[in-house]
Amino acid sequence: MSKSCKGLAMELVKCLSETDCVKVQNRPYRECAGEKEPTISSECIGLRETYFSCKRGQVDMRARIRGNKGY
């Protein structure tokens, strides 16, 4: 169960590595992922929200029984 979000995490890191936040400003991935400003693309924002909901689903007991949706 702990690795079910691993694919999303890798896609998020790949998407964030292409942004100016990481390339130009040399900021860490964690800091760029938490940005609320439009310094990252909408695709990365969508991946971030999907990843966070996947991780929340691992803690939710109802979702643990049924399994995570999607990825």
Protein backbone atom coordinates (compact mmCIF):
# COMPACT_ATOMS: atom_id res chain seq x y z
CA MET A 1 0.00 0.00 0.00
CA SER A 2 2.82 2.41 0.74
CA LYS A 3 4.14 2.23 -2.82
CA SER A 4 0.82 2.83 -4.56
CA CYS A 5 1.56 6.57 -4.80
CA LYS A 6 5.13 6.07 -5.96
CA GLY A 7 4.31 6.60 -9.65
CA LEU A 8 2.57 9.87 -8.88
CA ALA A 9 5.51 11.01 -6.79
CA MET A 10 7.93 10.31 -9.63
CA GLU A 11 5.75 12.17 -12.13
CA LEU A 12 5.49 15.13 -9.75
CA VAL A 13 9.27 15.28 -9.31
CA LYS A 14 9.73 15.03 -13.08
CA CYS A 15 7.24 17.85 -13.66
CA LEU A 16 8.79 20.04 -10.95
CA SER A 17 12.28 19.51 -12.36
CA GLU A 18 11.15 21.25 -15.55
CA THR A 19 9.90 24.39 -13.77
CA ASP A 20 11.77 27.65 -13.30
CA CYS A 21 11.43 27.26 -9.55
CA VAL A 22 13.91 24.37 -9.60
CA LYS A 23 15.93 25.21 -12.73
CA VAL A 24 16.49 28.95 -12.39
CA GLN A 25 15.99 29.67 -8.70
CA ASN A 26 17.72 26.42 -7.53
CA ARG A 27 15.13 25.83 -4.82
CA PRO A 28 14.40 22.37 -3.38
CA TYR A 29 11.54 20.27 -4.79
CA ARG A 30 9.66 20.28 -1.49
CA GLU A 31 9.66 24.07 -1.36
CA CYS A 32 8.53 24.38 -4.99
CA ALA A 33 5.76 21.80 -4.50
CA GLY A 34 4.28 23.93 -1.71
CA GLU A 35 4.14 27.08 -3.83
CA LYS A 36 0.80 28.80 -4.16
CA GLU A 37 2.08 31.30 -6.70
CA PRO A 38 1.93 30.54 -10.42
CA THR A 39 5.65 29.73 -10.56
CA ILE A 40 4.78 26.12 -11.38
CA SER A 41 2.60 24.95 -14.26
CA SER A 42 -1.03 23.91 -13.92
CA GLU A 43 -0.02 20.36 -14.84
CA CYS A 44 2.28 20.22 -11.81
CA ILE A 45 -0.44 21.68 -9.60
CA GLY A 46 -2.83 18.96 -10.76
CA LEU A 47 -0.24 16.26 -10.10
CA ARG A 48 0.44 17.74 -6.67
CA GLU A 49 -3.23 17.67 -5.70
CA THR A 50 -3.61 14.10 -6.98
CA TYR A 51 -0.51 12.99 -5.06
CA PHE A 52 -1.65 14.64 -1.84
CA SER A 53 -5.10 13.01 -2.10
CA CYS A 54 -3.41 9.65 -2.73
CA LYS A 55 -1.32 10.05 0.41
CA ARG A 56 -4.39 11.09 2.42
CA GLY A 57 -6.16 8.00 1.15
CA GLN A 58 -3.49 5.82 2.70
CA VAL A 59 -4.37 7.16 6.14
CA ASP A 60 -8.16 7.09 5.70
CA MET A 61 -9.47 3.76 7.01
CA ARG A 62 -12.31 3.56 4.48
CA ALA A 63 -9.91 4.10 1.60
CA ARG A 64 -7.44 1.58 3.03
CA ILE A 65 -10.07 -1.14 2.83
CA ARG A 66 -11.22 -0.25 -0.68
CA GLY A 67 -7.81 0.85 -1.94
CA ASN A 68 -6.74 4.13 -3.47
CA LYS A 69 -8.64 5.35 -6.50
CA GLY A 70 -6.86 6.01 -9.73
CA TYR A 71 -3.17 5.42 -10.08
